[in-house]
C-alpha atoms as a PDB file:
ATOM      1  CA  MET A   1     -39.956  -9.657  38.525  1.00  0.00           C
ATOM      2  CA  ASN A   2     -36.773  -7.847  39.528  1.00  0.00           C
ATOM      3  CA  ARG A   3     -34.818 -11.084  39.252  1.00  0.00           C
ATOM      4  CA  LEU A   4     -36.243 -11.801  35.785  1.00  0.00           C
ATOM      5  CA  LEU A   5     -35.444  -8.275  34.651  1.00  0.00           C
ATOM      6  CA  LEU A   6     -31.871  -8.598  35.931  1.00  0.00           C
ATOM      7  CA  LEU A   7     -31.403 -11.921  34.100  1.00  0.00           C
ATOM      8  CA  SER A   8     -32.801 -10.375  30.931  1.00  0.00           C
ATOM      9  CA  LEU A   9     -30.398  -7.474  31.117  1.00  0.00           C
ATOM     10  CA  LEU A  10     -27.445  -9.759  31.808  1.00  0.00           C
ATOM     11  CA  SER A  11     -28.265 -12.016  28.868  1.00  0.00           C
ATOM     12  CA  ALA A  12     -28.607  -8.989  26.577  1.00  0.00           C
ATOM     13  CA  SER A  13     -25.207  -7.684  27.678  1.00  0.00           C
ATOM     14  CA  PHE A  14     -23.523 -11.000  26.795  1.00  0.00           C
ATOM     15  CA  ALA A  15     -25.417 -11.458  23.518  1.00  0.00           C
ATOM     16  CA  PHE A  16     -22.942  -9.342  21.563  1.00  0.00           C
ATOM     17  CA  ALA A  17     -19.616 -11.024  20.913  1.00  0.00           C
ATOM     18  CA  ARG A  18     -16.747  -8.870  19.715  1.00  0.00           C
ATOM     19  CA  PHE A  19     -15.585  -9.558  16.167  1.00  0.00           C
ATOM     20  CA  THR A  20     -13.181  -8.274  13.536  1.00  0.00           C
ATOM     21  CA  ALA A  21     -14.310  -6.671  10.308  1.00  0.00           C
ATOM     22  CA  SER A  22     -13.094  -4.607   7.386  1.00  0.00           C
ATOM     23  CA  PRO A  23     -15.045  -1.428   6.556  1.00  0.00           C
ATOM     24  CA  ALA A  24     -16.983  -1.269   3.317  1.00  0.00           C
ATOM     25  CA  MET A  25     -16.250   2.453   3.139  1.00  0.00           C
ATOM     26  CA  GLU A  26     -14.165   5.156   4.783  1.00  0.00           C
ATOM     27  CA  CYS A  27     -16.109   6.475   7.780  1.00  0.00           C
ATOM     28  CA  GLU A  28     -15.355   9.000  10.475  1.00  0.00           C
ATOM     29  CA  ALA A  29     -14.685   7.499  13.901  1.00  0.00           C
ATOM     30  CA  TYR A  30     -16.006   9.670  16.727  1.00  0.00           C
ATOM     31  CA  ASN A  31     -15.061  10.042  20.386  1.00  0.00           C
ATOM     32  CA  ASN A  32     -18.708  10.053  21.428  1.00  0.00           C
ATOM     33  CA  MET A  33     -22.035   8.574  20.403  1.00  0.00           C
ATOM     34  CA  LYS A  34     -23.415  11.984  19.444  1.00  0.00           C
ATOM     35  CA  HIS A  35     -20.758  12.250  16.723  1.00  0.00           C
ATOM     36  CA  THR A  36     -19.805  15.767  17.803  1.00  0.00           C
ATOM     37  CA  LYS A  37     -16.063  15.203  18.287  1.00  0.00           C
ATOM     38  CA  ASN A  38     -13.405  13.400  16.283  1.00  0.00           C
ATOM     39  CA  THR A  39      -9.923  13.938  17.722  1.00  0.00           C
ATOM     40  CA  HIS A  40      -7.238  13.842  14.994  1.00  0.00           C
ATOM     41  CA  HIS A  41     -10.000  13.483  12.343  1.00  0.00           C
ATOM     42  CA  VAL A  42      -9.751   9.687  12.400  1.00  0.00           C
ATOM     43  CA  LYS A  43     -11.373   7.671   9.625  1.00  0.00           C
ATOM     44  CA  LEU A  44     -11.684   3.924   9.158  1.00  0.00           C
ATOM     45  CA  ASP A  45      -9.641   2.608   6.232  1.00  0.00           C
ATOM     46  CA  ARG A  46     -11.067   0.023   3.858  1.00  0.00           C
ATOM     47  CA  GLY A  47      -7.754  -1.811   3.724  1.00  0.00           C
ATOM     48  CA  GLN A  48      -7.555  -2.435   7.478  1.00  0.00           C
ATOM     49  CA  THR A  49      -9.283  -4.845   9.850  1.00  0.00           C
ATOM     50  CA  TYR A  50     -10.759  -3.519  13.114  1.00  0.00           C
ATOM     51  CA  THR A  51     -12.071  -5.096  16.298  1.00  0.00           C
ATOM     52  CA  VAL A  52     -15.701  -4.211  17.048  1.00  0.00           C
ATOM     53  CA  LEU A  53     -15.975  -4.220  20.829  1.00  0.00           C
ATOM     54  CA  LYS A  54     -19.705  -3.793  21.283  1.00  0.00           C
ATOM     55  CA  LYS A  55     -22.953  -2.513  19.855  1.00  0.00           C
ATOM     56  CA  HIS A  56     -24.938   0.091  21.772  1.00  0.00           C
ATOM     57  CA  LYS A  57     -27.941   2.137  20.696  1.00  0.00           C
ATOM     58  CA  GLY A  58     -27.455   1.200  17.067  1.00  0.00           C
ATOM     59  CA  GLN A  59     -23.731   2.039  16.929  1.00  0.00           C
ATOM     60  CA  PHE A  60     -20.482   0.077  17.010  1.00  0.00           C
ATOM     61  CA  LEU A  61     -17.622   0.768  19.407  1.00  0.00           C
ATOM     62  CA  VAL A  62     -14.455   0.090  17.408  1.00  0.00           C
ATOM     63  CA  LEU A  63     -10.867  -0.312  18.580  1.00  0.00           C
ATOM     64  CA  ILE A  64      -8.407   1.767  16.522  1.00  0.00           C
ATOM     65  CA  PRO A  65      -4.739   0.954  17.224  1.00  0.00           C
ATOM     66  CA  ASN A  66      -2.151   3.711  17.719  1.00  0.00           C
ATOM     67  CA  GLU A  67      -4.727   6.395  18.541  1.00  0.00           C
ATOM     68  CA  SER A  68      -4.589   8.287  21.839  1.00  0.00           C
ATOM     69  CA  ILE A  69      -8.350   7.739  22.049  1.00  0.00           C
ATOM     70  CA  ALA A  70      -8.445   4.199  20.701  1.00  0.00           C
ATOM     71  CA  GLN A  71     -12.136   3.354  21.225  1.00  0.00           C
ATOM     72  CA  ARG A  72     -14.341   5.149  18.701  1.00  0.00           C
ATOM     73  CA  TRP A  73     -18.018   5.137  17.724  1.00  0.00           C
ATOM     74  CA  VAL A  74     -19.120   4.467  14.137  1.00  0.00           C
ATOM     75  CA  ASP A  75     -22.320   3.567  12.349  1.00  0.00           C
ATOM     76  CA  PRO A  76     -22.750  -0.160  11.543  1.00  0.00           C
ATOM     77  CA  SER A  77     -23.311   0.842   7.910  1.00  0.00           C
ATOM     78  CA  CYS A  78     -19.531   1.408   7.696  1.00  0.00           C
ATOM     79  CA  PHE A  79     -19.046  -2.349   7.592  1.00  0.00           C
ATOM     80  CA  SER A  80     -20.078  -4.809   4.961  1.00  0.00           C
ATOM     81  CA  LYS A  81     -22.155  -7.837   5.885  1.00  0.00           C
ATOM     82  CA  ASN A  82     -19.179 -10.093   5.239  1.00  0.00           C
ATOM     83  CA  SER A  83     -16.435  -9.095   7.640  1.00  0.00           C
ATOM     84  CA  LYS A  84     -13.768 -10.972   5.709  1.00  0.00           C
ATOM     85  CA  SER A  85     -13.668 -10.925   1.933  1.00  0.00           C
ATOM     86  CA  SER A  86     -12.937 -14.272   0.320  1.00  0.00           C
ATOM     87  CA  LYS A  87     -11.935 -12.690  -2.966  1.00  0.00           C
ATOM     88  CA  LYS A  88      -8.323 -13.077  -3.985  1.00  0.00           C
ATOM     89  CA  THR A  89      -6.430 -10.940  -6.433  1.00  0.00           C
ATOM     90  CA  LYS A  90      -6.054 -12.788  -9.703  1.00  0.00           C
ATOM     91  CA  LYS A  91      -2.637 -13.490 -11.096  1.00  0.00           C
ATOM     92  CA  SER A  92      -3.581 -11.517 -14.182  1.00  0.00           C
ATOM     93  CA  ILE A  93      -2.311  -8.019 -13.541  1.00  0.00           C
ATOM     94  CA  TYR A  94      -4.699  -6.191 -15.855  1.00  0.00           C
ATOM     95  CA  THR A  95      -8.347  -5.453 -15.216  1.00  0.00           C
ATOM     96  CA  LYS A  96     -10.967  -4.768 -17.836  1.00  0.00           C
ATOM     97  CA  LYS A  97     -11.315  -1.069 -17.135  1.00  0.00           C
ATOM     98  CA  TYR A  98      -7.732  -0.175 -18.135  1.00  0.00           C
ATOM     99  CA  GLN A  99      -6.230  -2.426 -20.777  1.00  0.00           C
ATOM    100  CA  LYS A 100      -3.048  -0.379 -21.041  1.00  0.00           C
ATOM    101  CA  PRO A 101      -1.029   0.776 -17.995  1.00  0.00           C
ATOM    102  CA  ILE A 102       0.460   3.675 -19.929  1.00  0.00           C
ATOM    103  CA  LEU A 103       2.639   6.128 -18.068  1.00  0.00           C
ATOM    104  CA  SER A 104       0.907   9.449 -18.414  1.00  0.00           C
ATOM    105  CA  ASN A 105       2.887  12.062 -16.499  1.00  0.00           C
ATOM    106  CA  ASN A 106       1.660  14.923 -18.690  1.00  0.00           C
ATOM    107  CA  ILE A 107       4.332  14.641 -21.399  1.00  0.00           C
ATOM    108  CA  SER A 108       5.154  11.137 -22.668  1.00  0.00           C
ATOM    109  CA  LYS A 109       8.861  11.915 -23.097  1.00  0.00           C
ATOM    110  CA  LYS A 110       9.268  12.526 -19.369  1.00  0.00           C
ATOM    111  CA  GLN A 111      10.830   9.906 -17.142  1.00  0.00           C
ATOM    112  CA  SER A 112       9.441   8.262 -14.022  1.00  0.00           C
ATOM    113  CA  LEU A 113      10.844   6.116 -11.230  1.00  0.00           C
ATOM    114  CA  LEU A 114       8.967   2.945 -10.358  1.00  0.00           C
ATOM    115  CA  VAL A 115      10.082   2.258  -6.779  1.00  0.00           C
ATOM    116  CA  LEU A 116       9.562  -1.274  -5.435  1.00  0.00           C
ATOM    117  CA  SER A 117      10.406  -2.498  -1.929  1.00  0.00           C
ATOM    118  CA  TRP A 118      11.389  -5.974  -0.755  1.00  0.00           C
ATOM    119  CA  HIS A 119       8.754  -6.118   1.963  1.00  0.00           C
ATOM    120  CA  ASN A 120      10.691  -8.374   4.346  1.00  0.00           C
ATOM    121  CA  ALA A 121      13.607  -5.934   4.431  1.00  0.00           C
ATOM    122  CA  PHE A 122      11.311  -2.931   4.788  1.00  0.00           C
ATOM    123  CA  CYS A 123       9.742  -4.467   7.878  1.00  0.00           C
ATOM    124  CA  GLU A 124      13.145  -5.414   9.272  1.00  0.00           C
ATOM    125  CA  THR A 125      14.069  -1.724   9.191  1.00  0.00           C
ATOM    126  CA  HIS A 126      10.578  -0.356  10.093  1.00  0.00           C
ATOM    127  CA  ARG A 127       9.329  -2.744  12.768  1.00  0.00           C
ATOM    128  CA  LYS A 128       6.857  -0.307  14.316  1.00  0.00           C
ATOM    129  CA  LYS A 129       4.895   0.151  11.093  1.00  0.00           C
ATOM    130  CA  THR A 130       1.355  -1.224  11.233  1.00  0.00           C
ATOM    131  CA  GLU A 131       1.902  -3.450   8.202  1.00  0.00           C
ATOM    132  CA  CYS A 132       4.971  -5.018   9.863  1.00  0.00           C
ATOM    133  CA  ARG A 133       3.591  -6.045  13.249  1.00  0.00           C
ATOM    134  CA  ASN A 134       2.812  -9.682  12.533  1.00  0.00           C
ATOM    135  CA  PRO A 135       5.298 -10.982   9.964  1.00  0.00           C
ATOM    136  CA  LYS A 136       4.731 -14.580   8.895  1.00  0.00           C
ATOM    137  CA  LYS A 137       8.078 -16.373   8.956  1.00  0.00           C
ATOM    138  CA  SER A 138       6.762 -18.940   6.485  1.00  0.00           C
ATOM    139  CA  GLU A 139       6.329 -16.342   3.722  1.00  0.00           C
ATOM    140  CA  LYS A 140       8.979 -16.208   1.003  1.00  0.00           C
ATOM    141  CA  GLY A 141       8.513 -12.496   0.402  1.00  0.00           C
ATOM    142  CA  LYS A 142       7.501 -10.283  -2.485  1.00  0.00           C
ATOM    143  CA  LEU A 143       8.155  -6.988  -4.201  1.00  0.00           C
ATOM    144  CA  VAL A 144       5.606  -4.328  -3.302  1.00  0.00           C
ATOM    145  CA  LEU A 145       4.901  -0.808  -4.456  1.00  0.00           C
ATOM    146  CA  HIS A 146       6.546   2.116  -2.724  1.00  0.00           C
ATOM    147  CA  GLY A 147       5.624   4.628  -5.388  1.00  0.00           C
ATOM    148  CA  LEU A 148       5.691   5.862  -8.966  1.00  0.00           C
ATOM    149  CA  TRP A 149       7.532   9.187  -9.092  1.00  0.00           C
ATOM    150  CA  PRO A 150       7.317  11.488 -12.122  1.00  0.00           C
ATOM    151  CA  GLN A 151      10.711  13.039 -12.730  1.00  0.00           C
ATOM    152  CA  PRO A 152      12.604  15.229 -12.087  1.00  0.00           C
ATOM    153  CA  ARG A 153      12.523  14.791  -8.297  1.00  0.00           C
ATOM    154  CA  ASN A 154      11.296  18.349  -7.706  1.00  0.00           C
ATOM    155  CA  ASN A 155       8.197  17.548  -9.767  1.00  0.00           C
ATOM    156  CA  ALA A 156       5.983  17.123  -6.708  1.00  0.00           C
ATOM    157  CA  TYR A 157       2.802  18.384  -4.989  1.00  0.00           C
ATOM    158  CA  CYS A 158       1.190  19.518  -8.254  1.00  0.00           C
ATOM    159  CA  GLY A 159      -1.803  21.740  -7.467  1.00  0.00           C
ATOM    160  CA  VAL A 160      -1.869  20.616  -3.822  1.00  0.00           C
ATOM    161  CA  PRO A 161      -3.041  23.166  -1.187  1.00  0.00           C
ATOM    162  CA  GLN A 162      -0.346  24.336   1.217  1.00  0.00           C
ATOM    163  CA  LYS A 163      -2.225  22.922   4.211  1.00  0.00           C
ATOM    164  CA  SER A 164      -2.122  19.420   2.737  1.00  0.00           C
ATOM    165  CA  ILE A 165       1.557  19.793   1.857  1.00  0.00           C
ATOM    166  CA  ALA A 166       2.316  20.772   5.458  1.00  0.00           C
ATOM    167  CA  LYS A 167       0.397  17.769   6.814  1.00  0.00           C
ATOM    168  CA  ASP A 168       2.206  15.442   4.447  1.00  0.00           C
ATOM    169  CA  LYS A 169       5.651  16.760   5.331  1.00  0.00           C
ATOM    170  CA  HIS A 170       4.842  16.305   9.024  1.00  0.00           C
ATOM    171  CA  HIS A 171       3.748  12.694   8.375  1.00  0.00           C
ATOM    172  CA  GLN A 172       0.140  13.465   9.279  1.00  0.00           C
ATOM    173  CA  TRP A 173      -1.037  11.088   6.584  1.00  0.00           C
ATOM    174  CA  LYS A 174      -4.263  10.161   8.352  1.00  0.00           C
ATOM    175  CA  ALA A 175      -5.409  13.772   8.065  1.00  0.00           C
ATOM    176  CA  LEU A 176      -4.817  13.951   4.300  1.00  0.00           C
ATOM    177  CA  PRO A 177      -7.881  13.992   2.016  1.00  0.00           C
ATOM    178  CA  ASN A 178      -9.444  10.677   1.080  1.00  0.00           C
ATOM    179  CA  ILE A 179      -8.710   9.263  -2.355  1.00  0.00           C
ATOM    180  CA  ASP A 180     -11.322   7.926  -4.749  1.00  0.00           C
ATOM    181  CA  ILE A 181     -10.104   4.440  -5.710  1.00  0.00           C
ATOM    182  CA  GLU A 182     -12.258   1.740  -7.290  1.00  0.00           C
ATOM    183  CA  GLU A 183     -12.717  -1.750  -5.850  1.00  0.00           C
ATOM    184  CA  SER A 184     -10.625  -3.528  -8.499  1.00  0.00           C
ATOM    185  CA  THR A 185      -7.693  -1.189  -7.817  1.00  0.00           C
ATOM    186  CA  LEU A 186      -8.101  -1.675  -4.064  1.00  0.00           C
ATOM    187  CA  GLU A 187      -7.761  -5.438  -4.598  1.00  0.00           C
ATOM    188  CA  LEU A 188      -4.416  -4.858  -6.309  1.00  0.00           C
ATOM    189  CA  MET A 189      -3.427  -2.483  -3.511  1.00  0.00           C
ATOM    190  CA  ASP A 190      -4.259  -5.104  -0.917  1.00  0.00           C
ATOM    191  CA  SER A 191      -1.710  -7.440  -2.530  1.00  0.00           C
ATOM    192  CA  TYR A 192       0.982  -5.045  -3.696  1.00  0.00           C
ATOM    193  CA  MET A 193       0.913  -2.053  -1.347  1.00  0.00           C
ATOM    194  CA  PRO A 194       0.853  -3.206   2.292  1.00  0.00           C
ATOM    195  CA  GLY A 195       1.765   0.354   3.313  1.00  0.00           C
ATOM    196  CA  TYR A 196      -1.883   1.167   2.580  1.00  0.00           C
ATOM    197  CA  VAL A 197      -2.711   0.468   6.247  1.00  0.00           C
ATOM    198  CA  SER A 198      -0.250   3.216   7.237  1.00  0.00           C
ATOM    199  CA  ARG A 199      -1.830   5.588   4.675  1.00  0.00           C
ATOM    200  CA  LEU A 200       1.229   5.441   2.430  1.00  0.00           C
ATOM    201  CA  HIS A 201      -1.143   5.662  -0.533  1.00  0.00           C
ATOM    202  CA  LYS A 202      -2.313   9.102   0.599  1.00  0.00           C
ATOM    203  CA  HIS A 203       1.262  10.367   0.920  1.00  0.00           C
ATOM    204  CA  GLU A 204       2.336   8.966  -2.453  1.00  0.00           C
ATOM    205  CA  TRP A 205      -0.679  10.458  -4.215  1.00  0.00           C
ATOM    206  CA  ILE A 206      -0.311  13.903  -2.627  1.00  0.00           C
ATOM    207  CA  LYS A 207       3.419  14.164  -3.314  1.00  0.00           C
ATOM    208  CA  HIS A 208       3.878  12.261  -6.570  1.00  0.00           C
ATOM    209  CA  GLY A 209       0.557  11.116  -8.027  1.00  0.00           C
ATOM    210  CA  THR A 210      -0.799  14.634  -8.384  1.00  0.00           C
ATOM    211  CA  CYS A 211       1.929  15.229 -10.999  1.00  0.00           C
ATOM    212  CA  TYR A 212       1.001  12.118 -12.983  1.00  0.00           C
ATOM    213  CA  GLY A 213      -1.644  13.793 -15.118  1.00  0.00           C
ATOM    214  CA  LYS A 214      -4.451  11.299 -14.459  1.00  0.00           C
ATOM    215  CA  SER A 215      -6.876  10.341 -11.681  1.00  0.00           C
ATOM    216  CA  ALA A 216      -5.746   8.710  -8.453  1.00  0.00           C
ATOM    217  CA  ASP A 217      -7.418   5.475  -9.505  1.00  0.00           C
ATOM    218  CA  ARG A 218      -5.554   5.403 -12.838  1.00  0.00           C
ATOM    219  CA  TYR A 219      -2.277   6.368 -11.166  1.00  0.00           C
ATOM    220  CA  TYR A 220      -2.493   3.496  -8.703  1.00  0.00           C
ATOM    221  CA  HIS A 221      -3.822   1.002 -11.224  1.00  0.00           C
ATOM    222  CA  ASP A 222      -0.845   1.674 -13.497  1.00  0.00           C
ATOM    223  CA  ALA A 223       1.722   1.600 -10.686  1.00  0.00           C
ATOM    224  CA  LEU A 224       0.317  -1.544  -9.058  1.00  0.00           C
ATOM    225  CA  THR A 225       0.041  -3.506 -12.298  1.00  0.00           C
ATOM    226  CA  LEU A 226       3.664  -2.701 -13.072  1.00  0.00           C
ATOM    227  CA  ALA A 227       4.691  -3.784  -9.562  1.00  0.00           C
ATOM    228  CA  SER A 228       2.795  -7.036 -10.058  1.00  0.00           C
ATOM    229  CA  GLU A 229       4.483  -7.592 -13.414  1.00  0.00           C
ATOM    230  CA  VAL A 230       7.954  -7.317 -11.861  1.00  0.00           C
ATOM    231  CA  ASP A 231       7.061  -9.560  -8.909  1.00  0.00           C
ATOM    232  CA  HIS A 232       5.691 -12.280 -11.213  1.00  0.00           C
ATOM    233  CA  SER A 233       8.706 -12.097 -13.527  1.00  0.00           C
ATOM    234  CA  ALA A 234      12.134 -13.712 -13.413  1.00  0.00           C
ATOM    235  CA  VAL A 235      13.130 -10.877 -11.057  1.00  0.00           C
ATOM    236  CA  GLY A 236      10.685 -11.916  -8.337  1.00  0.00           C
ATOM    237  CA  LYS A 237      11.619 -15.574  -8.812  1.00  0.00           C
ATOM    238  CA  LEU A 238      15.321 -14.750  -8.458  1.00  0.00           C
ATOM    239  CA  LEU A 239      14.772 -12.862  -5.211  1.00  0.00           C
ATOM    240  CA  ARG A 240      12.622 -15.593  -3.682  1.00  0.00           C
ATOM    241  CA  SER A 241      15.204 -18.221  -4.630  1.00  0.00           C
ATOM    242  CA  HIS A 242      17.842 -16.226  -2.728  1.00  0.00           C
ATOM    243  CA  VAL A 243      15.931 -15.587   0.507  1.00  0.00           C
ATOM    244  CA  GLY A 244      18.452 -15.656   3.332  1.00  0.00           C
ATOM    245  CA  LYS A 245      21.337 -15.409   0.848  1.00  0.00           C
ATOM    246  CA  LYS A 246      23.343 -12.627  -0.747  1.00  0.00           C
ATOM    247  CA  ILE A 247      22.669 -11.447  -4.260  1.00  0.00           C
ATOM    248  CA  THR A 248      24.623  -9.204  -6.620  1.00  0.00           C
ATOM    249  CA  LEU A 249      23.559  -6.265  -8.746  1.00  0.00           C
ATOM    250  CA  SER A 250      24.790  -8.201 -11.768  1.00  0.00           C
ATOM    251  CA  GLN A 251      22.376 -11.043 -10.993  1.00  0.00           C
ATOM    252  CA  VAL A 252      19.468  -8.641 -10.550  1.00  0.00           C
ATOM    253  CA  ARG A 253      20.213  -6.792 -13.766  1.00  0.00           C
ATOM    254  CA  GLY A 254      20.539 -10.106 -15.577  1.00  0.00           C
ATOM    255  CA  ALA A 255      17.064 -11.098 -14.378  1.00  0.00           C
ATOM    256  CA  PHE A 256      15.647  -7.775 -15.627  1.00  0.00           C
ATOM    257  CA  ASP A 257      17.289  -8.365 -19.010  1.00  0.00           C
ATOM    258  CA  HIS A 258      15.777 -11.849 -19.144  1.00  0.00           C
ATOM    259  CA  ALA A 259      12.297 -10.602 -18.194  1.00  0.00           C
ATOM    260  CA  PHE A 260      12.082  -7.268 -20.001  1.00  0.00           C
ATOM    261  CA  GLY A 261      14.659  -7.297 -22.759  1.00  0.00           C
ATOM    262  CA  LYS A 262      18.356  -6.643 -23.254  1.00  0.00           C
ATOM    263  CA  GLY A 263      19.493  -3.441 -21.544  1.00  0.00           C
ATOM    264  CA  ALA A 264      16.577  -3.358 -19.076  1.00  0.00           C
ATOM    265  CA  GLY A 265      18.929  -4.070 -16.179  1.00  0.00           C
ATOM    266  CA  GLU A 266      20.915  -0.925 -16.938  1.00  0.00           C
ATOM    267  CA  ARG A 267      17.792   1.062 -15.936  1.00  0.00           C
ATOM    268  CA  VAL A 268      17.701  -0.437 -12.421  1.00  0.00           C
ATOM    269  CA  GLU A 269      19.274   0.804  -9.166  1.00  0.00           C
ATOM    270  CA  MET A 270      19.545  -1.526  -6.188  1.00  0.00           C
ATOM    271  CA  LYS A 271      19.181   0.111  -2.759  1.00  0.00           C
ATOM    272  CA  CYS A 272      20.633  -1.426   0.408  1.00  0.00           C
ATOM    273  CA  GLN A 273      20.530  -0.673   4.130  1.00  0.00           C
ATOM    274  CA  GLY A 274      22.477  -2.487   6.834  1.00  0.00           C
ATOM    275  CA  GLY A 275      23.579  -5.136   4.360  1.00  0.00           C
ATOM    276  CA  LEU A 276      19.996  -5.864   3.250  1.00  0.00           C
ATOM    277  CA  VAL A 277      18.575  -5.250  -0.216  1.00  0.00           C
ATOM    278  CA  THR A 278      15.656  -2.912   0.467  1.00  0.00           C
ATOM    279  CA  GLU A 279      14.445  -1.387  -2.810  1.00  0.00           C
ATOM    280  CA  PHE A 280      14.749  -1.316  -6.581  1.00  0.00           C
ATOM    281  CA  TRP A 281      14.468   1.977  -8.448  1.00  0.00           C
ATOM    282  CA  ILE A 282      13.407   1.278 -12.023  1.00  0.00           C
ATOM    283  CA  HIS A 283      13.798   4.112 -14.545  1.00  0.00           C
ATOM    284  CA  VAL A 284      10.927   4.081 -17.035  1.00  0.00           C
ATOM    285  CA  GLY A 285       9.567   6.450 -19.655  1.00  0.00           C
ATOM    286  CA  GLY A 286       7.389   6.901 -22.709  1.00  0.00           C
ATOM    287  CA  ARG A 287       4.205   4.975 -23.425  1.00  0.00           C
ATOM    288  CA  GLY A 288       3.483   1.284 -23.755  1.00  0.00           C
ATOM    289  CA  ASP A 289       1.351  -1.703 -22.804  1.00  0.00           C
ATOM    290  CA  ARG A 290       3.998  -3.548 -20.806  1.00  0.00           C
ATOM    291  CA  LEU A 291       6.968  -2.747 -18.619  1.00  0.00           C
ATOM    292  CA  ALA A 292       9.326  -4.057 -21.333  1.00  0.00           C
ATOM    293  CA  GLU A 293       8.318  -1.126 -23.542  1.00  0.00           C
ATOM    294  CA  LEU A 294       8.459   1.428 -20.743  1.00  0.00           C
ATOM    295  CA  ILE A 295      11.769   0.357 -19.251  1.00  0.00           C
ATOM    296  CA  GLY A 296      13.396   0.372 -22.681  1.00  0.00           C
ATOM    297  CA  LYS A 297      12.711   4.106 -22.831  1.00  0.00           C
ATOM    298  CA  GLY A 298      14.052   4.772 -19.344  1.00  0.00           C
ATOM    299  CA  SER A 299      17.352   6.410 -18.479  1.00  0.00           C
ATOM    300  CA  ARG A 300      20.428   4.289 -17.845  1.00  0.00           C
ATOM    301  CA  THR A 301      21.629   4.597 -14.276  1.00  0.00           C
ATOM    302  CA  LYS A 302      24.397   3.677 -11.842  1.00  0.00           C
ATOM    303  CA  SER A 303      23.894   1.896  -8.525  1.00  0.00           C
ATOM    304  CA  ARG A 304      25.838   2.416  -5.310  1.00  0.00           C
ATOM    305  CA  CYS A 305      24.793  -0.935  -3.899  1.00  0.00           C
ATOM    306  CA  HIS A 306      26.368  -3.929  -5.668  1.00  0.00           C
ATOM    307  CA  LYS A 307      25.656  -6.735  -3.205  1.00  0.00           C
ATOM    308  CA  GLY A 308      23.190  -7.389  -0.393  1.00  0.00           C
ATOM    309  CA  LYS A 309      21.206 -10.020   1.458  1.00  0.00           C
ATOM    310  CA  ILE A 310      17.610 -10.918   0.552  1.00  0.00           C
ATOM    311  CA  ASP A 311      15.911 -10.816   3.928  1.00  0.00           C
ATOM    312  CA  ARG A 312      13.628 -13.507   5.289  1.00  0.00           C
ATOM    313  CA  ALA A 313      10.226 -12.726   6.776  1.00  0.00           C
ATOM    314  CA  GLY A 314      10.166 -12.235  10.544  1.00  0.00           C
ATOM    315  CA  TYR A 315      12.661 -10.673  12.918  1.00  0.00           C
END
C-alpha cells in the first residue's frame, strides 16, 4: 500500500507540465498562497506572456521576470483558456467603435506631438528593456508609438494625485493605477506599442494622456491608429527600404509630403542618437479623420538631426 501511495503521489507531481500563457485580465501576484502579501504591488499585465511553473491547491505559481521575488501565486481565473491568442491585428487601422481619431486635447486649436520610435534603434539604445530582450534579426522593423503629447510641454499630469506623479517620476510604473482599455485597443497596442510590457502605457497616460480631454481608451485608440497610419504609409516603406543604410531628413520629409500632402514634412522633426535615427516628432493639431488633415494644422518645425542610419533588428 505504501508503495502504491508513493507511486500515486509521484505521478501526480509530474502530471502538471509548466506552460506559458497570457493573462485574460490584470491580477495581483502574491508572495504567498494566502494572498496576504504582495511586495511592490505586482500585477500581471495582459500584454505579457508568463511561465506557469506549477499548480497547487487550486492556484498557479507564476514566474515574473525582473522582480526580487520572482515566483508569485495567482488564481487560475487570471488566465484565459487559450494561452496564446491567434488573432492578428487587421491592417485596417480603424475599429467600429471610433470612426474618427480626432485629436481632442480640450481645445481643438491646441497642438500635439505624435512621437513615433523606430523600434530597432530604441532597442539598440535600451537593451535591458523587457520588450528588447529577444530581437528577431529577420524583422525589417517598424514605427511604434512612444506617445501623444498635448502641447505646450508643461501641459502634463492633469488632475493626477501627487502620489502618482511621484511614482511616475521615479519610474515606478508598475505601481501606477491600472488603465481601462478595451480589447480592440489592446490589439492595436500589441502591434504598435511594444513598450506596453514595460508599462510605458501607464507612464504616457499619467503624464500626457490625462491632459487629452478624453478617456484612456480613446486616447490610446487615437494615438495608435495614427501610428499605424504612418507605419503603413510611404514613410514606413521608405524606412524599411533603407534598413542598414543612412537616410536624410530631406528624404523623410519628402515621404511625409507624398503620404500626407505638400508641407507635411515641414511638421516633422527627426531625432538621432549615436548616428542612429531613433524617433520622429510629428506636430499635429485641430480636428480631422486622417493624419493628413491633422498634420496640415500642425506647427512647422526645425530639426537638429539631418542624417542618420536606419538600424537593423538585433544587436
